[in-house]
Structure formats: C-alpha cells, structure tokens
Amino acid sequence: MIKVKFFNSITEAELAKNLLKSNGIEASVYKRGIEFPGDRGDSYGADLFVSEKDLEKTKEILEMYTR
C-alpha cells in the first residue's frame, strides 16, 4: 500500500475512500494521533492508502474530486 494523500479530517478521507471504492479501487484510511473517548479525531487528520497498481487512476479520480 502506498500513501496517496493526507486529509485534514477523517471524514474527508472516508469520503475519498468511498469515492475510490465506487470506481473499483480498494483504499484504506489510517487515522493520525491518539483518540480519546468521545473524540471524533478529526483534529488529527488521516492518510489515504491504495495499492501501487491503482496509484495513477487514484490520482486522476482525486484530482477531479478536489477541484
């Protein structure tokens, strides 16, 4: 798995993951920082990872999404 992008919020990263999934690309989101009970963790952000074979297609899709 290769890191594609850092998102400032976990919510944004999960949206991107779902967008990729709808385009046939499996992705993983890894939260940064330490979460506390009741903490959504959005202040820490998250990294989005995909397999190397899907990297170029992922970049194209995310570029259209983040315009």
PDB file of N, CA and C in Angstrom:
ATOM      1  N   MET A   1       0.849  -1.185   0.000  1.00  0.00           N
ATOM      2  CA  MET A   1       0.000   0.000   0.000  1.00  0.00           C
ATOM      3  C   MET A   1       0.893   1.246   0.000  1.00  0.00           C
ATOM      4  N   ILE A   2       0.431   2.235  -0.739  1.00  0.00           N
ATOM      5  CA  ILE A   2       1.168   3.484  -0.881  1.00  0.00           C
ATOM      6  C   ILE A   2       0.286   4.638  -0.411  1.00  0.00           C
ATOM      7  N   LYS A   3       0.888   5.540   0.359  1.00  0.00           N
ATOM      8  CA  LYS A   3       0.145   6.722   0.808  1.00  0.00           C
ATOM      9  C   LYS A   3      -0.096   7.627  -0.391  1.00  0.00           C
ATOM     10  N   VAL A   4      -1.357   7.997  -0.567  1.00  0.00           N
ATOM     11  CA  VAL A   4      -1.740   8.853  -1.680  1.00  0.00           C
ATOM     12  C   VAL A   4      -1.889  10.295  -1.238  1.00  0.00           C
ATOM     13  N   LYS A   5      -2.532  10.481  -0.085  1.00  0.00           N
ATOM     14  CA  LYS A   5      -2.847  11.850   0.326  1.00  0.00           C
ATOM     15  C   LYS A   5      -3.134  11.911   1.819  1.00  0.00           C
ATOM     16  N   PHE A   6      -2.828  13.060   2.404  1.00  0.00           N
ATOM     17  CA  PHE A   6      -3.215  13.365   3.782  1.00  0.00           C
ATOM     18  C   PHE A   6      -4.452  14.257   3.730  1.00  0.00           C
ATOM     19  N   PHE A   7      -5.430  13.938   4.552  1.00  0.00           N
ATOM     20  CA  PHE A   7      -6.636  14.751   4.669  1.00  0.00           C
ATOM     21  C   PHE A   7      -6.679  15.359   6.062  1.00  0.00           C
ATOM     22  N   ASN A   8      -7.158  16.591   6.147  1.00  0.00           N
ATOM     23  CA  ASN A   8      -7.231  17.271   7.438  1.00  0.00           C
ATOM     24  C   ASN A   8      -8.272  16.678   8.365  1.00  0.00           C
ATOM     25  N   SER A   9      -9.239  15.962   7.799  1.00  0.00           N
ATOM     26  CA  SER A   9     -10.247  15.331   8.648  1.00  0.00           C
ATOM     27  C   SER A   9     -10.460  13.887   8.217  1.00  0.00           C
ATOM     28  N   ILE A  10     -10.840  13.075   9.166  1.00  0.00           N
ATOM     29  CA  ILE A  10     -11.138  11.675   8.900  1.00  0.00           C
ATOM     30  C   ILE A  10     -12.349  11.577   7.977  1.00  0.00           C
ATOM     31  N   THR A  11     -13.298  12.476   8.165  1.00  0.00           N
ATOM     32  CA  THR A  11     -14.498  12.483   7.336  1.00  0.00           C
ATOM     33  C   THR A  11     -14.145  12.659   5.863  1.00  0.00           C
ATOM     34  N   GLU A  12     -13.256  13.608   5.553  1.00  0.00           N
ATOM     35  CA  GLU A  12     -12.825  13.813   4.163  1.00  0.00           C
ATOM     36  C   GLU A  12     -12.135  12.569   3.608  1.00  0.00           C
ATOM     37  N   ALA A  13     -11.292  11.954   4.421  1.00  0.00           N
ATOM     38  CA  ALA A  13     -10.574  10.754   3.984  1.00  0.00           C
ATOM     39  C   ALA A  13     -11.551   9.616   3.700  1.00  0.00           C
ATOM     40  N   GLU A  14     -12.559   9.450   4.546  1.00  0.00           N
ATOM     41  CA  GLU A  14     -13.556   8.403   4.343  1.00  0.00           C
ATOM     42  C   GLU A  14     -14.391   8.664   3.089  1.00  0.00           C
ATOM     43  N   LEU A  15     -14.705   9.929   2.817  1.00  0.00           N
ATOM     44  CA  LEU A  15     -15.429  10.277   1.593  1.00  0.00           C
ATOM     45  C   LEU A  15     -14.603   9.914   0.362  1.00  0.00           C
ATOM     46  N   ALA A  16     -13.316  10.224   0.401  1.00  0.00           N
ATOM     47  CA  ALA A  16     -12.432   9.887  -0.714  1.00  0.00           C
ATOM     48  C   ALA A  16     -12.330   8.371  -0.881  1.00  0.00           C
ATOM     49  N   LYS A  17     -12.245   7.653   0.219  1.00  0.00           N
ATOM     50  CA  LYS A  17     -12.192   6.190   0.178  1.00  0.00           C
ATOM     51  C   LYS A  17     -13.439   5.626  -0.497  1.00  0.00           C
ATOM     52  N   ASN A  18     -14.607   6.158  -0.134  1.00  0.00           N
ATOM     53  CA  ASN A  18     -15.856   5.699  -0.732  1.00  0.00           C
ATOM     54  C   ASN A  18     -15.942   6.054  -2.214  1.00  0.00           C
ATOM     55  N   LEU A  19     -15.427   7.218  -2.586  1.00  0.00           N
ATOM     56  CA  LEU A  19     -15.375   7.610  -3.992  1.00  0.00           C
ATOM     57  C   LEU A  19     -14.527   6.626  -4.788  1.00  0.00           C
ATOM     58  N   LEU A  20     -13.371   6.275  -4.237  1.00  0.00           N
ATOM     59  CA  LEU A  20     -12.497   5.315  -4.911  1.00  0.00           C
ATOM     60  C   LEU A  20     -13.167   3.949  -5.006  1.00  0.00           C
ATOM     61  N   LYS A  21     -13.816   3.543  -3.935  1.00  0.00           N
ATOM     62  CA  LYS A  21     -14.495   2.247  -3.931  1.00  0.00           C
ATOM     63  C   LYS A  21     -15.561   2.193  -5.022  1.00  0.00           C
ATOM     64  N   SER A  22     -16.281   3.290  -5.209  1.00  0.00           N
ATOM     65  CA  SER A  22     -17.314   3.324  -6.248  1.00  0.00           C
ATOM     66  C   SER A  22     -16.714   3.273  -7.649  1.00  0.00           C
ATOM     67  N   ASN A  23     -15.407   3.496  -7.744  1.00  0.00           N
ATOM     68  CA  ASN A  23     -14.692   3.402  -9.015  1.00  0.00           C
ATOM     69  C   ASN A  23     -13.846   2.131  -9.095  1.00  0.00           C
ATOM     70  N   GLY A  24     -14.115   1.181  -8.205  1.00  0.00           N
ATOM     71  CA  GLY A  24     -13.445  -0.112  -8.255  1.00  0.00           C
ATOM     72  C   GLY A  24     -12.059  -0.165  -7.639  1.00  0.00           C
ATOM     73  N   ILE A  25     -11.730   0.823  -6.805  1.00  0.00           N
ATOM     74  CA  ILE A  25     -10.409   0.872  -6.178  1.00  0.00           C
ATOM     75  C   ILE A  25     -10.560   0.690  -4.667  1.00  0.00           C
ATOM     76  N   GLU A  26      -9.855  -0.311  -4.129  1.00  0.00           N
ATOM     77  CA  GLU A  26      -9.846  -0.521  -2.683  1.00  0.00           C
ATOM     78  C   GLU A  26      -8.836   0.433  -2.047  1.00  0.00           C
ATOM     79  N   ALA A  27      -9.238   1.065  -0.962  1.00  0.00           N
ATOM     80  CA  ALA A  27      -8.371   2.014  -0.268  1.00  0.00           C
ATOM     81  C   ALA A  27      -8.502   1.800   1.234  1.00  0.00           C
ATOM     82  N   SER A  28      -7.506   2.284   1.965  1.00  0.00           N
ATOM     83  CA  SER A  28      -7.511   2.213   3.426  1.00  0.00           C
ATOM     84  C   SER A  28      -7.253   3.587   4.003  1.00  0.00           C
ATOM     85  N   VAL A  29      -7.902   3.872   5.112  1.00  0.00           N
ATOM     86  CA  VAL A  29      -7.716   5.139   5.824  1.00  0.00           C
ATOM     87  C   VAL A  29      -7.063   4.831   7.168  1.00  0.00           C
ATOM     88  N   TYR A  30      -5.984   5.544   7.459  1.00  0.00           N
ATOM     89  CA  TYR A  30      -5.293   5.401   8.744  1.00  0.00           C
ATOM     90  C   TYR A  30      -5.335   6.732   9.472  1.00  0.00           C
ATOM     91  N   LYS A  31      -5.957   6.727  10.645  1.00  0.00           N
ATOM     92  CA  LYS A  31      -6.094   7.942  11.441  1.00  0.00           C
ATOM     93  C   LYS A  31      -4.759   8.303  12.078  1.00  0.00           C
ATOM     94  N   ARG A  32      -4.528   9.591  12.201  1.00  0.00           N
ATOM     95  CA  ARG A  32      -3.322  10.068  12.884  1.00  0.00           C
ATOM     96  C   ARG A  32      -3.673  10.464  14.304  1.00  0.00           C
ATOM     97  N   GLY A  33      -2.679  10.424  15.168  1.00  0.00           N
ATOM     98  CA  GLY A  33      -2.864  10.900  16.535  1.00  0.00           C
ATOM     99  C   GLY A  33      -3.518   9.871  17.437  1.00  0.00           C
ATOM    100  N   ILE A  34      -3.794  10.321  18.631  1.00  0.00           N
ATOM    101  CA  ILE A  34      -4.396   9.477  19.655  1.00  0.00           C
ATOM    102  C   ILE A  34      -5.824   9.950  19.888  1.00  0.00           C
ATOM    103  N   GLU A  35      -6.756   9.023  19.873  1.00  0.00           N
ATOM    104  CA  GLU A  35      -8.145   9.382  20.123  1.00  0.00           C
ATOM    105  C   GLU A  35      -8.494   9.159  21.587  1.00  0.00           C
ATOM    106  N   PHE A  36      -9.385   9.982  22.080  1.00  0.00           N
ATOM    107  CA  PHE A  36      -9.871   9.883  23.442  1.00  0.00           C
ATOM    108  C   PHE A  36     -11.363   9.576  23.397  1.00  0.00           C
ATOM    109  N   PRO A  37     -11.925   8.998  24.442  1.00  0.00           N
ATOM    110  CA  PRO A  37     -13.364   8.709  24.450  1.00  0.00           C
ATOM    111  C   PRO A  37     -14.178   9.956  24.110  1.00  0.00           C
ATOM    112  N   GLY A  38     -15.079   9.816  23.152  1.00  0.00           N
ATOM    113  CA  GLY A  38     -15.910  10.945  22.735  1.00  0.00           C
ATOM    114  C   GLY A  38     -15.250  11.858  21.717  1.00  0.00           C
ATOM    115  N   ASP A  39     -13.998  11.604  21.393  1.00  0.00           N
ATOM    116  CA  ASP A  39     -13.246  12.423  20.438  1.00  0.00           C
ATOM    117  C   ASP A  39     -13.404  11.816  19.049  1.00  0.00           C
ATOM    118  N   ARG A  40     -13.872  12.607  18.088  1.00  0.00           N
ATOM    119  CA  ARG A  40     -14.029  12.106  16.720  1.00  0.00           C
ATOM    120  C   ARG A  40     -12.677  11.974  16.021  1.00  0.00           C
ATOM    121  N   GLY A  41     -11.652  12.631  16.530  1.00  0.00           N
ATOM    122  CA  GLY A  41     -10.323  12.519  15.955  1.00  0.00           C
ATOM    123  C   GLY A  41     -10.088  13.373  14.728  1.00  0.00           C
ATOM    124  N   ASP A  42     -11.074  14.159  14.318  1.00  0.00           N
ATOM    125  CA  ASP A  42     -10.914  14.955  13.103  1.00  0.00           C
ATOM    126  C   ASP A  42      -9.776  15.969  13.197  1.00  0.00           C
ATOM    127  N   SER A  43      -9.402  16.356  14.385  1.00  0.00           N
ATOM    128  CA  SER A  43      -8.332  17.340  14.522  1.00  0.00           C
ATOM    129  C   SER A  43      -6.967  16.755  14.162  1.00  0.00           C
ATOM    130  N   TYR A  44      -6.882  15.437  14.054  1.00  0.00           N
ATOM    131  CA  TYR A  44      -5.602  14.794  13.753  1.00  0.00           C
ATOM    132  C   TYR A  44      -5.426  14.488  12.275  1.00  0.00           C
ATOM    133  N   GLY A  45      -6.505  14.388  11.553  1.00  0.00           N
ATOM    134  CA  GLY A  45      -6.445  14.061  10.144  1.00  0.00           C
ATOM    135  C   GLY A  45      -6.246  12.578   9.903  1.00  0.00           C
ATOM    136  N   ALA A  46      -6.090  12.233   8.612  1.00  0.00           N
ATOM    137  CA  ALA A  46      -5.948  10.832   8.242  1.00  0.00           C
ATOM    138  C   ALA A  46      -5.217  10.709   6.917  1.00  0.00           C
ATOM    139  N   ASP A  47      -4.541   9.590   6.736  1.00  0.00           N
ATOM    140  CA  ASP A  47      -3.834   9.288   5.490  1.00  0.00           C
ATOM    141  C   ASP A  47      -4.645   8.274   4.696  1.00  0.00           C
ATOM    142  N   LEU A  48      -4.636   8.428   3.375  1.00  0.00           N
ATOM    143  CA  LEU A  48      -5.329   7.523   2.472  1.00  0.00           C
ATOM    144  C   LEU A  48      -4.289   6.705   1.710  1.00  0.00           C
ATOM    145  N   PHE A  49      -4.465   5.389   1.705  1.00  0.00           N
ATOM    146  CA  PHE A  49      -3.535   4.475   1.041  1.00  0.00           C
ATOM    147  C   PHE A  49      -4.265   3.636  -0.004  1.00  0.00           C
ATOM    148  N   VAL A  50      -3.573   3.344  -1.118  1.00  0.00           N
ATOM    149  CA  VAL A  50      -4.073   2.432  -2.150  1.00  0.00           C
ATOM    150  C   VAL A  50      -2.928   1.534  -2.591  1.00  0.00           C
ATOM    151  N   SER A  51      -3.273   0.497  -3.343  1.00  0.00           N
ATOM    152  CA  SER A  51      -2.224  -0.377  -3.860  1.00  0.00           C
ATOM    153  C   SER A  51      -1.480   0.339  -4.988  1.00  0.00           C
ATOM    154  N   GLU A  52      -0.249  -0.055  -5.201  1.00  0.00           N
ATOM    155  CA  GLU A  52       0.596   0.589  -6.210  1.00  0.00           C
ATOM    156  C   GLU A  52      -0.022   0.507  -7.599  1.00  0.00           C
ATOM    157  N   LYS A  53      -0.690  -0.598  -7.904  1.00  0.00           N
ATOM    158  CA  LYS A  53      -1.279  -0.763  -9.237  1.00  0.00           C
ATOM    159  C   LYS A  53      -2.417   0.223  -9.498  1.00  0.00           C
ATOM    160  N   ASP A  54      -3.033   0.749  -8.440  1.00  0.00           N
ATOM    161  CA  ASP A  54      -4.146   1.689  -8.586  1.00  0.00           C
ATOM    162  C   ASP A  54      -3.731   3.149  -8.405  1.00  0.00           C
ATOM    163  N   LEU A  55      -2.455   3.405  -8.232  1.00  0.00           N
ATOM    164  CA  LEU A  55      -1.985   4.744  -7.876  1.00  0.00           C
ATOM    165  C   LEU A  55      -2.349   5.809  -8.910  1.00  0.00           C
ATOM    166  N   GLU A  56      -2.069   5.571 -10.171  1.00  0.00           N
ATOM    167  CA  GLU A  56      -2.321   6.594 -11.197  1.00  0.00           C
ATOM    168  C   GLU A  56      -3.810   6.880 -11.352  1.00  0.00           C
ATOM    169  N   LYS A  57      -4.626   5.839 -11.402  1.00  0.00           N
ATOM    170  CA  LYS A  57      -6.081   6.022 -11.514  1.00  0.00           C
ATOM    171  C   LYS A  57      -6.608   6.776 -10.295  1.00  0.00           C
ATOM    172  N   THR A  58      -6.078   6.448  -9.118  1.00  0.00           N
ATOM    173  CA  THR A  58      -6.485   7.130  -7.884  1.00  0.00           C
ATOM    174  C   THR A  58      -6.183   8.618  -7.957  1.00  0.00           C
ATOM    175  N   LYS A  59      -4.987   8.954  -8.410  1.00  0.00           N
ATOM    176  CA  LYS A  59      -4.611  10.376  -8.519  1.00  0.00           C
ATOM    177  C   LYS A  59      -5.543  11.123  -9.458  1.00  0.00           C
ATOM    178  N   GLU A  60      -5.908  10.501 -10.578  1.00  0.00           N
ATOM    179  CA  GLU A  60      -6.825  11.123 -11.536  1.00  0.00           C
ATOM    180  C   GLU A  60      -8.194  11.369 -10.897  1.00  0.00           C
ATOM    181  N   ILE A  61      -8.709  10.367 -10.217  1.00  0.00           N
ATOM    182  CA  ILE A  61     -10.027  10.481  -9.590  1.00  0.00           C
ATOM    183  C   ILE A  61     -10.009  11.554  -8.504  1.00  0.00           C
ATOM    184  N   LEU A  62      -8.999  11.539  -7.658  1.00  0.00           N
ATOM    185  CA  LEU A  62      -8.927  12.520  -6.568  1.00  0.00           C
ATOM    186  C   LEU A  62      -8.732  13.939  -7.089  1.00  0.00           C
ATOM    187  N   GLU A  63      -8.012  14.071  -8.177  1.00  0.00           N
ATOM    188  CA  GLU A  63      -7.811  15.404  -8.767  1.00  0.00           C
ATOM    189  C   GLU A  63      -9.150  15.983  -9.224  1.00  0.00           C
ATOM    190  N   MET A  64      -9.989  15.163  -9.852  1.00  0.00           N
ATOM    191  CA  MET A  64     -11.316  15.620 -10.273  1.00  0.00           C
ATOM    192  C   MET A  64     -12.179  15.947  -9.063  1.00  0.00           C
ATOM    193  N   TYR A  65     -12.065  15.150  -8.009  1.00  0.00           N
ATOM    194  CA  TYR A  65     -12.864  15.308  -6.799  1.00  0.00           C
ATOM    195  C   TYR A  65     -12.499  16.572  -6.017  1.00  0.00           C
ATOM    196  N   THR A  66     -11.234  16.943  -6.006  1.00  0.00           N
ATOM    197  CA  THR A  66     -10.780  18.068  -5.174  1.00  0.00           C
ATOM    198  C   THR A  66     -10.713  19.398  -5.914  1.00  0.00           C
ATOM    199  N   ARG A  67     -11.232  19.452  -7.099  1.00  0.00           N
ATOM    200  CA  ARG A  67     -11.242  20.742  -7.841  1.00  0.00           C
ATOM    201  C   ARG A  67     -12.122  21.745  -7.211  1.00  0.00           C
TER     202      ARG A  67
END
